[in-house]
PDB file of N, CA and C in Angstrom:
ATOM      1  N   MET A   1       0.269 -23.130 -10.928  1.00  0.00           N
ATOM      2  CA  MET A   1       1.378 -23.080 -10.042  1.00  0.00           C
ATOM      3  C   MET A   1       1.182 -21.937  -9.074  1.00  0.00           C
ATOM      4  N   GLU A   2       1.275 -22.232  -7.752  1.00  0.00           N
ATOM      5  CA  GLU A   2       1.143 -21.196  -6.737  1.00  0.00           C
ATOM      6  C   GLU A   2       2.466 -20.496  -6.528  1.00  0.00           C
ATOM      7  N   GLN A   3       2.438 -19.193  -6.484  1.00  0.00           N
ATOM      8  CA  GLN A   3       3.671 -18.436  -6.255  1.00  0.00           C
ATOM      9  C   GLN A   3       3.445 -17.534  -5.040  1.00  0.00           C
ATOM     10  N   THR A   4       4.434 -17.499  -4.159  1.00  0.00           N
ATOM     11  CA  THR A   4       4.345 -16.645  -2.986  1.00  0.00           C
ATOM     12  C   THR A   4       5.273 -15.456  -3.107  1.00  0.00           C
ATOM     13  N   THR A   5       4.767 -14.278  -2.777  1.00  0.00           N
ATOM     14  CA  THR A   5       5.588 -13.102  -2.770  1.00  0.00           C
ATOM     15  C   THR A   5       6.060 -12.888  -1.349  1.00  0.00           C
ATOM     16  N   THR A   6       7.401 -12.748  -1.199  1.00  0.00           N
ATOM     17  CA  THR A   6       7.967 -12.578   0.143  1.00  0.00           C
ATOM     18  C   THR A   6       8.412 -11.119   0.324  1.00  0.00           C
ATOM     19  N   TYR A   7       8.186 -10.613   1.539  1.00  0.00           N
ATOM     20  CA  TYR A   7       8.477  -9.228   1.855  1.00  0.00           C
ATOM     21  C   TYR A   7       9.391  -9.213   3.086  1.00  0.00           C
ATOM     22  N   GLN A   8      10.468  -8.473   3.006  1.00  0.00           N
ATOM     23  CA  GLN A   8      11.380  -8.312   4.160  1.00  0.00           C
ATOM     24  C   GLN A   8      11.467  -6.882   4.534  1.00  0.00           C
ATOM     25  N   THR A   9      11.467  -6.636   5.872  1.00  0.00           N
ATOM     26  CA  THR A   9      11.586  -5.235   6.321  1.00  0.00           C
ATOM     27  C   THR A   9      12.100  -5.266   7.773  1.00  0.00           C
ATOM     28  N   SER A  10      12.395  -4.091   8.243  1.00  0.00           N
ATOM     29  CA  SER A  10      12.778  -3.981   9.667  1.00  0.00           C
ATOM     30  C   SER A  10      12.188  -2.665  10.205  1.00  0.00           C
ATOM     31  N   GLY A  11      11.970  -2.679  11.516  1.00  0.00           N
ATOM     32  CA  GLY A  11      11.423  -1.520  12.150  1.00  0.00           C
ATOM     33  C   GLY A  11      11.183  -1.716  13.598  1.00  0.00           C
ATOM     34  N   GLU A  12      10.396  -0.816  14.168  1.00  0.00           N
ATOM     35  CA  GLU A  12      10.084  -0.844  15.583  1.00  0.00           C
ATOM     36  C   GLU A  12       8.703  -1.418  15.812  1.00  0.00           C
ATOM     37  N   ILE A  13       8.618  -2.359  16.723  1.00  0.00           N
ATOM     38  CA  ILE A  13       7.289  -2.956  17.093  1.00  0.00           C
ATOM     39  C   ILE A  13       6.554  -1.901  17.947  1.00  0.00           C
ATOM     40  N   ILE A  14       5.399  -1.444  17.488  1.00  0.00           N
ATOM     41  CA  ILE A  14       4.653  -0.425  18.244  1.00  0.00           C
ATOM     42  C   ILE A  14       3.380  -0.980  18.870  1.00  0.00           C
ATOM     43  N   ALA A  15       3.013  -2.216  18.524  1.00  0.00           N
ATOM     44  CA  ALA A  15       1.817  -2.831  19.156  1.00  0.00           C
ATOM     45  C   ALA A  15       1.983  -4.373  19.016  1.00  0.00           C
ATOM     46  N   ILE A  16       1.596  -5.064  20.087  1.00  0.00           N
ATOM     47  CA  ILE A  16       1.503  -6.538  20.050  1.00  0.00           C
ATOM     48  C   ILE A  16       0.116  -6.890  20.615  1.00  0.00           C
ATOM     49  N   HIS A  17      -0.676  -7.541  19.822  1.00  0.00           N
ATOM     50  CA  HIS A  17      -2.047  -7.892  20.248  1.00  0.00           C
ATOM     51  C   HIS A  17      -2.064  -9.293  20.903  1.00  0.00           C
ATOM     52  N   GLU A  18      -3.105  -9.566  21.617  1.00  0.00           N
ATOM     53  CA  GLU A  18      -3.271 -10.856  22.245  1.00  0.00           C
ATOM     54  C   GLU A  18      -3.456 -11.958  21.185  1.00  0.00           C
ATOM     55  N   LYS A  19      -3.025 -13.108  21.515  1.00  0.00           N
ATOM     56  CA  LYS A  19      -3.185 -14.315  20.624  1.00  0.00           C
ATOM     57  C   LYS A  19      -4.692 -14.610  20.515  1.00  0.00           C
ATOM     58  N   GLU A  20      -5.151 -14.857  19.301  1.00  0.00           N
ATOM     59  CA  GLU A  20      -6.537 -15.233  19.040  1.00  0.00           C
ATOM     60  C   GLU A  20      -6.585 -16.746  18.714  1.00  0.00           C
ATOM     61  N   GLU A  21      -7.460 -17.469  19.402  1.00  0.00           N
ATOM     62  CA  GLU A  21      -7.570 -18.896  19.140  1.00  0.00           C
ATOM     63  C   GLU A  21      -9.000 -19.185  18.692  1.00  0.00           C
ATOM     64  N   TYR A  22      -9.145 -20.035  17.683  1.00  0.00           N
ATOM     65  CA  TYR A  22     -10.437 -20.345  17.097  1.00  0.00           C
ATOM     66  C   TYR A  22     -10.800 -21.790  17.354  1.00  0.00           C
ATOM     67  N   PRO A  23     -12.126 -22.104  17.376  1.00  0.00           N
ATOM     68  CA  PRO A  23     -12.537 -23.508  17.642  1.00  0.00           C
ATOM     69  C   PRO A  23     -11.951 -24.529  16.682  1.00  0.00           C
ATOM     70  N   SER A  24     -11.557 -24.134  15.514  1.00  0.00           N
ATOM     71  CA  SER A  24     -11.007 -25.058  14.520  1.00  0.00           C
ATOM     72  C   SER A  24      -9.584 -25.477  14.922  1.00  0.00           C
ATOM     73  N   GLY A  25      -8.971 -24.767  15.914  1.00  0.00           N
ATOM     74  CA  GLY A  25      -7.612 -25.068  16.294  1.00  0.00           C
ATOM     75  C   GLY A  25      -6.609 -24.062  15.726  1.00  0.00           C
ATOM     76  N   PHE A  26      -7.069 -23.235  14.803  1.00  0.00           N
ATOM     77  CA  PHE A  26      -6.239 -22.222  14.202  1.00  0.00           C
ATOM     78  C   PHE A  26      -6.013 -21.092  15.215  1.00  0.00           C
ATOM     79  N   SER A  27      -4.788 -20.500  15.225  1.00  0.00           N
ATOM     80  CA  SER A  27      -4.505 -19.361  16.108  1.00  0.00           C
ATOM     81  C   SER A  27      -3.676 -18.368  15.330  1.00  0.00           C
ATOM     82  N   LYS A  28      -3.791 -17.090  15.747  1.00  0.00           N
ATOM     83  CA  LYS A  28      -2.970 -16.052  15.118  1.00  0.00           C
ATOM     84  C   LYS A  28      -2.736 -14.964  16.125  1.00  0.00           C
ATOM     85  N   ARG A  29      -1.664 -14.166  15.911  1.00  0.00           N
ATOM     86  CA  ARG A  29      -1.357 -13.051  16.735  1.00  0.00           C
ATOM     87  C   ARG A  29      -0.902 -11.925  15.821  1.00  0.00           C
ATOM     88  N   GLU A  30      -1.542 -10.752  16.015  1.00  0.00           N
ATOM     89  CA  GLU A  30      -1.191  -9.635  15.166  1.00  0.00           C
ATOM     90  C   GLU A  30      -0.227  -8.661  15.914  1.00  0.00           C
ATOM     91  N   PHE A  31       0.592  -7.972  15.114  1.00  0.00           N
ATOM     92  CA  PHE A  31       1.448  -6.947  15.701  1.00  0.00           C
ATOM     93  C   PHE A  31       1.636  -5.862  14.606  1.00  0.00           C
ATOM     94  N   VAL A  32       2.099  -4.714  15.071  1.00  0.00           N
ATOM     95  CA  VAL A  32       2.265  -3.556  14.190  1.00  0.00           C
ATOM     96  C   VAL A  32       3.728  -3.152  14.205  1.00  0.00           C
ATOM     97  N   LEU A  33       4.292  -3.014  13.006  1.00  0.00           N
ATOM     98  CA  LEU A  33       5.684  -2.642  12.846  1.00  0.00           C
ATOM     99  C   LEU A  33       5.746  -1.245  12.187  1.00  0.00           C
ATOM    100  N   LYS A  34       6.476  -0.351  12.801  1.00  0.00           N
ATOM    101  CA  LYS A  34       6.667   1.011  12.199  1.00  0.00           C
ATOM    102  C   LYS A  34       7.950   0.958  11.399  1.00  0.00           C
ATOM    103  N   VAL A  35       7.832   1.237  10.082  1.00  0.00           N
ATOM    104  CA  VAL A  35       9.008   1.130   9.208  1.00  0.00           C
ATOM    105  C   VAL A  35       9.221   2.474   8.501  1.00  0.00           C
ATOM    106  N   ALA A  36      10.475   2.743   8.178  1.00  0.00           N
ATOM    107  CA  ALA A  36      10.802   3.950   7.423  1.00  0.00           C
ATOM    108  C   ALA A  36      10.533   3.679   5.946  1.00  0.00           C
ATOM    109  N   ASN A  37       9.962   4.640   5.280  1.00  0.00           N
ATOM    110  CA  ASN A  37       9.652   4.520   3.850  1.00  0.00           C
ATOM    111  C   ASN A  37       9.936   5.873   3.213  1.00  0.00           C
ATOM    112  N   GLY A  38      11.219   6.157   2.947  1.00  0.00           N
ATOM    113  CA  GLY A  38      11.558   7.436   2.392  1.00  0.00           C
ATOM    114  C   GLY A  38      11.325   8.511   3.505  1.00  0.00           C
ATOM    115  N   ARG A  39      10.577   9.549   3.163  1.00  0.00           N
ATOM    116  CA  ARG A  39      10.335  10.611   4.148  1.00  0.00           C
ATOM    117  C   ARG A  39       9.197  10.249   5.083  1.00  0.00           C
ATOM    118  N   TYR A  40       8.429   9.215   4.781  1.00  0.00           N
ATOM    119  CA  TYR A  40       7.230   8.901   5.578  1.00  0.00           C
ATOM    120  C   TYR A  40       7.375   7.563   6.258  1.00  0.00           C
ATOM    121  N   GLU A  41       7.001   7.480   7.506  1.00  0.00           N
ATOM    122  CA  GLU A  41       6.971   6.214   8.229  1.00  0.00           C
ATOM    123  C   GLU A  41       5.628   5.522   7.926  1.00  0.00           C
ATOM    124  N   GLN A  42       5.678   4.221   7.872  1.00  0.00           N
ATOM    125  CA  GLN A  42       4.490   3.428   7.638  1.00  0.00           C
ATOM    126  C   GLN A  42       4.244   2.503   8.851  1.00  0.00           C
ATOM    127  N   GLU A  43       3.014   2.246   9.185  1.00  0.00           N
ATOM    128  CA  GLU A  43       2.664   1.346  10.274  1.00  0.00           C
ATOM    129  C   GLU A  43       1.980   0.129   9.613  1.00  0.00           C
ATOM    130  N   LEU A  44       2.709  -1.023   9.636  1.00  0.00           N
ATOM    131  CA  LEU A  44       2.236  -2.201   8.945  1.00  0.00           C
ATOM    132  C   LEU A  44       1.721  -3.235   9.934  1.00  0.00           C
ATOM    133  N   LYS A  45       0.439  -3.622   9.761  1.00  0.00           N
ATOM    134  CA  LYS A  45      -0.118  -4.694  10.601  1.00  0.00           C
ATOM    135  C   LYS A  45       0.271  -6.016   9.988  1.00  0.00           C
ATOM    136  N   MET A  46       0.867  -6.870  10.793  1.00  0.00           N
ATOM    137  CA  MET A  46       1.269  -8.194  10.355  1.00  0.00           C
ATOM    138  C   MET A  46       0.678  -9.208  11.287  1.00  0.00           C
ATOM    139  N   GLU A  47       0.717 -10.448  10.843  1.00  0.00           N
ATOM    140  CA  GLU A  47       0.174 -11.520  11.710  1.00  0.00           C
ATOM    141  C   GLU A  47       1.070 -12.758  11.640  1.00  0.00           C
ATOM    142  N   LEU A  48       1.072 -13.490  12.747  1.00  0.00           N
ATOM    143  CA  LEU A  48       1.757 -14.764  12.844  1.00  0.00           C
ATOM    144  C   LEU A  48       0.727 -15.828  13.065  1.00  0.00           C
ATOM    145  N   HIS A  49       0.869 -16.983  12.430  1.00  0.00           N
ATOM    146  CA  HIS A  49      -0.100 -18.067  12.461  1.00  0.00           C
ATOM    147  C   HIS A  49       0.369 -19.252  13.279  1.00  0.00           C
ATOM    148  N   LYS A  50      -0.542 -19.952  13.866  1.00  0.00           N
ATOM    149  CA  LYS A  50      -0.316 -21.233  14.571  1.00  0.00           C
ATOM    150  C   LYS A  50       0.803 -21.111  15.573  1.00  0.00           C
ATOM    151  N   ASP A  51       1.745 -22.073  15.563  1.00  0.00           N
ATOM    152  CA  ASP A  51       2.810 -22.112  16.566  1.00  0.00           C
ATOM    153  C   ASP A  51       3.806 -20.944  16.421  1.00  0.00           C
ATOM    154  N   ARG A  52       3.796 -20.257  15.304  1.00  0.00           N
ATOM    155  CA  ARG A  52       4.684 -19.098  15.157  1.00  0.00           C
ATOM    156  C   ARG A  52       4.196 -17.890  15.947  1.00  0.00           C
ATOM    157  N   ALA A  53       2.925 -17.915  16.375  1.00  0.00           N
ATOM    158  CA  ALA A  53       2.374 -16.819  17.156  1.00  0.00           C
ATOM    159  C   ALA A  53       3.104 -16.619  18.462  1.00  0.00           C
ATOM    160  N   ASP A  54       3.728 -17.679  18.973  1.00  0.00           N
ATOM    161  CA  ASP A  54       4.435 -17.608  20.238  1.00  0.00           C
ATOM    162  C   ASP A  54       5.764 -16.913  20.116  1.00  0.00           C
ATOM    163  N   VAL A  55       6.243 -16.645  18.923  1.00  0.00           N
ATOM    164  CA  VAL A  55       7.543 -15.988  18.701  1.00  0.00           C
ATOM    165  C   VAL A  55       7.545 -14.608  19.369  1.00  0.00           C
ATOM    166  N   LEU A  56       6.388 -13.957  19.436  1.00  0.00           N
ATOM    167  CA  LEU A  56       6.318 -12.599  19.993  1.00  0.00           C
ATOM    168  C   LEU A  56       6.444 -12.570  21.517  1.00  0.00           C
ATOM    169  N   GLU A  57       6.439 -13.730  22.160  1.00  0.00           N
ATOM    170  CA  GLU A  57       6.570 -13.770  23.624  1.00  0.00           C
ATOM    171  C   GLU A  57       7.896 -13.128  24.076  1.00  0.00           C
ATOM    172  N   SER A  58       8.905 -13.189  23.247  1.00  0.00           N
ATOM    173  CA  SER A  58      10.237 -12.649  23.642  1.00  0.00           C
ATOM    174  C   SER A  58      10.417 -11.175  23.220  1.00  0.00           C
ATOM    175  N   PHE A  59       9.343 -10.535  22.687  1.00  0.00           N
ATOM    176  CA  PHE A  59       9.440  -9.160  22.210  1.00  0.00           C
ATOM    177  C   PHE A  59       8.547  -8.263  23.095  1.00  0.00           C
ATOM    178  N   GLN A  60       8.926  -6.970  23.106  1.00  0.00           N
ATOM    179  CA  GLN A  60       8.104  -5.970  23.799  1.00  0.00           C
ATOM    180  C   GLN A  60       7.924  -4.809  22.841  1.00  0.00           C
ATOM    181  N   VAL A  61       6.881  -4.030  23.107  1.00  0.00           N
ATOM    182  CA  VAL A  61       6.677  -2.804  22.324  1.00  0.00           C
ATOM    183  C   VAL A  61       7.938  -1.948  22.499  1.00  0.00           C
ATOM    184  N   GLY A  62       8.442  -1.395  21.400  1.00  0.00           N
ATOM    185  CA  GLY A  62       9.667  -0.635  21.393  1.00  0.00           C
ATOM    186  C   GLY A  62      10.849  -1.366  20.886  1.00  0.00           C
ATOM    187  N   ASP A  63      10.781  -2.723  20.828  1.00  0.00           N
ATOM    188  CA  ASP A  63      11.894  -3.520  20.294  1.00  0.00           C
ATOM    189  C   ASP A  63      11.984  -3.325  18.784  1.00  0.00           C
ATOM    190  N   ARG A  64      13.190  -3.388  18.276  1.00  0.00           N
ATOM    191  CA  ARG A  64      13.412  -3.349  16.804  1.00  0.00           C
ATOM    192  C   ARG A  64      13.456  -4.793  16.329  1.00  0.00           C
ATOM    193  N   ALA A  65      12.898  -5.029  15.145  1.00  0.00           N
ATOM    194  CA  ALA A  65      12.856  -6.407  14.614  1.00  0.00           C
ATOM    195  C   ALA A  65      13.052  -6.427  13.117  1.00  0.00           C
ATOM    196  N   ASN A  66      13.645  -7.534  12.648  1.00  0.00           N
ATOM    197  CA  ASN A  66      13.706  -7.822  11.215  1.00  0.00           C
ATOM    198  C   ASN A  66      12.616  -8.862  10.945  1.00  0.00           C
ATOM    199  N   VAL A  67      11.780  -8.594   9.953  1.00  0.00           N
ATOM    200  CA  VAL A  67      10.631  -9.472   9.689  1.00  0.00           C
ATOM    201  C   VAL A  67      10.648  -9.937   8.227  1.00  0.00           C
ATOM    202  N   THR A  68      10.393 -11.223   8.074  1.00  0.00           N
ATOM    203  CA  THR A  68      10.143 -11.799   6.727  1.00  0.00           C
ATOM    204  C   THR A  68       8.735 -12.304   6.714  1.00  0.00           C
ATOM    205  N   ALA A  69       7.969 -11.903   5.712  1.00  0.00           N
ATOM    206  CA  ALA A  69       6.568 -12.255   5.613  1.00  0.00           C
ATOM    207  C   ALA A  69       6.169 -12.612   4.215  1.00  0.00           C
ATOM    208  N   ASP A  70       5.115 -13.400   4.100  1.00  0.00           N
ATOM    209  CA  ASP A  70       4.490 -13.685   2.830  1.00  0.00           C
ATOM    210  C   ASP A  70       3.358 -12.645   2.620  1.00  0.00           C
ATOM    211  N   VAL A  71       3.241 -12.184   1.378  1.00  0.00           N
ATOM    212  CA  VAL A  71       2.132 -11.290   1.035  1.00  0.00           C
ATOM    213  C   VAL A  71       1.028 -12.147   0.452  1.00  0.00           C
ATOM    214  N   ARG A  72      -0.106 -12.127   1.142  1.00  0.00           N
ATOM    215  CA  ARG A  72      -1.256 -12.920   0.719  1.00  0.00           C
ATOM    216  C   ARG A  72      -2.444 -12.049   0.442  1.00  0.00           C
ATOM    217  N   GLY A  73      -3.152 -12.333  -0.631  1.00  0.00           N
ATOM    218  CA  GLY A  73      -4.330 -11.579  -0.965  1.00  0.00           C
ATOM    219  C   GLY A  73      -5.540 -12.465  -1.152  1.00  0.00           C
ATOM    220  N   HIS A  74      -6.721 -11.897  -0.904  1.00  0.00           N
ATOM    221  CA  HIS A  74      -7.923 -12.645  -1.120  1.00  0.00           C
ATOM    222  C   HIS A  74      -9.102 -11.691  -1.426  1.00  0.00           C
ATOM    223  N   LYS A  75     -10.092 -12.257  -1.996  1.00  0.00           N
ATOM    224  CA  LYS A  75     -11.346 -11.499  -2.326  1.00  0.00           C
ATOM    225  C   LYS A  75     -12.402 -11.988  -1.384  1.00  0.00           C
ATOM    226  N   SER A  76     -13.062 -11.023  -0.701  1.00  0.00           N
ATOM    227  CA  SER A  76     -14.103 -11.414   0.279  1.00  0.00           C
ATOM    228  C   SER A  76     -15.450 -11.610  -0.432  1.00  0.00           C
ATOM    229  N   SER A  77     -16.412 -12.082   0.336  1.00  0.00           N
ATOM    230  CA  SER A  77     -17.725 -12.361  -0.250  1.00  0.00           C
ATOM    231  C   SER A  77     -18.420 -11.092  -0.735  1.00  0.00           C
ATOM    232  N   ASN A  78     -17.997  -9.905  -0.247  1.00  0.00           N
ATOM    233  CA  ASN A  78     -18.601  -8.667  -0.705  1.00  0.00           C
ATOM    234  C   ASN A  78     -17.899  -8.066  -1.931  1.00  0.00           C
ATOM    235  N   GLY A  79     -16.926  -8.823  -2.478  1.00  0.00           N
ATOM    236  CA  GLY A  79     -16.205  -8.405  -3.671  1.00  0.00           C
ATOM    237  C   GLY A  79     -15.004  -7.545  -3.462  1.00  0.00           C
ATOM    238  N   ARG A  80     -14.694  -7.200  -2.189  1.00  0.00           N
ATOM    239  CA  ARG A  80     -13.527  -6.364  -1.924  1.00  0.00           C
ATOM    240  C   ARG A  80     -12.277  -7.265  -1.831  1.00  0.00           C
ATOM    241  N   HIS A  81     -11.147  -6.652  -2.161  1.00  0.00           N
ATOM    242  CA  HIS A  81      -9.868  -7.360  -2.123  1.00  0.00           C
ATOM    243  C   HIS A  81      -9.070  -6.880  -0.913  1.00  0.00           C
ATOM    244  N   TYR A  82      -8.364  -7.849  -0.273  1.00  0.00           N
ATOM    245  CA  TYR A  82      -7.590  -7.560   0.905  1.00  0.00           C
ATOM    246  C   TYR A  82      -6.187  -8.170   0.775  1.00  0.00           C
ATOM    247  N   ILE A  83      -5.239  -7.560   1.446  1.00  0.00           N
ATOM    248  CA  ILE A  83      -3.880  -8.089   1.499  1.00  0.00           C
ATOM    249  C   ILE A  83      -3.514  -8.287   2.928  1.00  0.00           C
ATOM    250  N   ASN A  84      -2.920  -9.428   3.244  1.00  0.00           N
ATOM    251  CA  ASN A  84      -2.364  -9.703   4.587  1.00  0.00           C
ATOM    252  C   ASN A  84      -0.880  -9.951   4.478  1.00  0.00           C
ATOM    253  N   LEU A  85      -0.153  -9.475   5.496  1.00  0.00           N
ATOM    254  CA  LEU A  85       1.270  -9.761   5.628  1.00  0.00           C
ATOM    255  C   LEU A  85       1.397 -10.843   6.713  1.00  0.00           C
ATOM    256  N   VAL A  86       1.701 -12.047   6.315  1.00  0.00           N
ATOM    257  CA  VAL A  86       1.779 -13.154   7.226  1.00  0.00           C
ATOM    258  C   VAL A  86       3.269 -13.459   7.506  1.00  0.00           C
ATOM    259  N   ALA A  87       3.707 -13.030   8.676  1.00  0.00           N
ATOM    260  CA  ALA A  87       5.125 -13.150   9.018  1.00  0.00           C
ATOM    261  C   ALA A  87       5.451 -14.607   9.363  1.00  0.00           C
ATOM    262  N   TRP A  88       6.621 -15.040   8.975  1.00  0.00           N
ATOM    263  CA  TRP A  88       7.071 -16.396   9.314  1.00  0.00           C
ATOM    264  C   TRP A  88       8.458 -16.369   9.960  1.00  0.00           C
ATOM    265  N   LYS A  89       9.101 -15.213   9.958  1.00  0.00           N
ATOM    266  CA  LYS A  89      10.391 -15.030  10.651  1.00  0.00           C
ATOM    267  C   LYS A  89      10.444 -13.674  11.298  1.00  0.00           C
ATOM    268  N   VAL A  90      10.643 -13.626  12.575  1.00  0.00           N
ATOM    269  CA  VAL A  90      10.772 -12.372  13.322  1.00  0.00           C
ATOM    270  C   VAL A  90      11.960 -12.492  14.265  1.00  0.00           C
ATOM    271  N   VAL A  91      12.995 -11.652  14.045  1.00  0.00           N
ATOM    272  CA  VAL A  91      14.197 -11.727  14.891  1.00  0.00           C
ATOM    273  C   VAL A  91      14.518 -10.309  15.368  1.00  0.00           C
ATOM    274  N   LYS A  92      15.101 -10.225  16.542  1.00  0.00           N
ATOM    275  CA  LYS A  92      15.507  -8.949  17.076  1.00  0.00           C
ATOM    276  C   LYS A  92      16.608  -8.330  16.219  1.00  0.00           C
ATOM    277  N   ALA A  93      16.459  -7.037  15.946  1.00  0.00           N
ATOM    278  CA  ALA A  93      17.440  -6.335  15.081  1.00  0.00           C
ATOM    279  C   ALA A  93      18.620  -5.865  15.927  1.00  0.00           C
TER     280      ALA A  93
END
């Protein structure tokens, strides 16, 4: 049984990258959210996939947003493990 871990946070958008499109038809757009974490701020890179990548068209750097994302992990061919935050809901705070 597949289980998805969901992460919710809010913060300031500090970077919005260009949409990346691949020959397979897959597309994604990355952005960086600065969030408060106790005494230390964190800068979290997140990504939106496929048609959700267009959600960022209505945002600018400096906007505050509430984000809901799935936490996804994978092991690469070199044996290293990676985690991605794949956002599926981004709304202005």
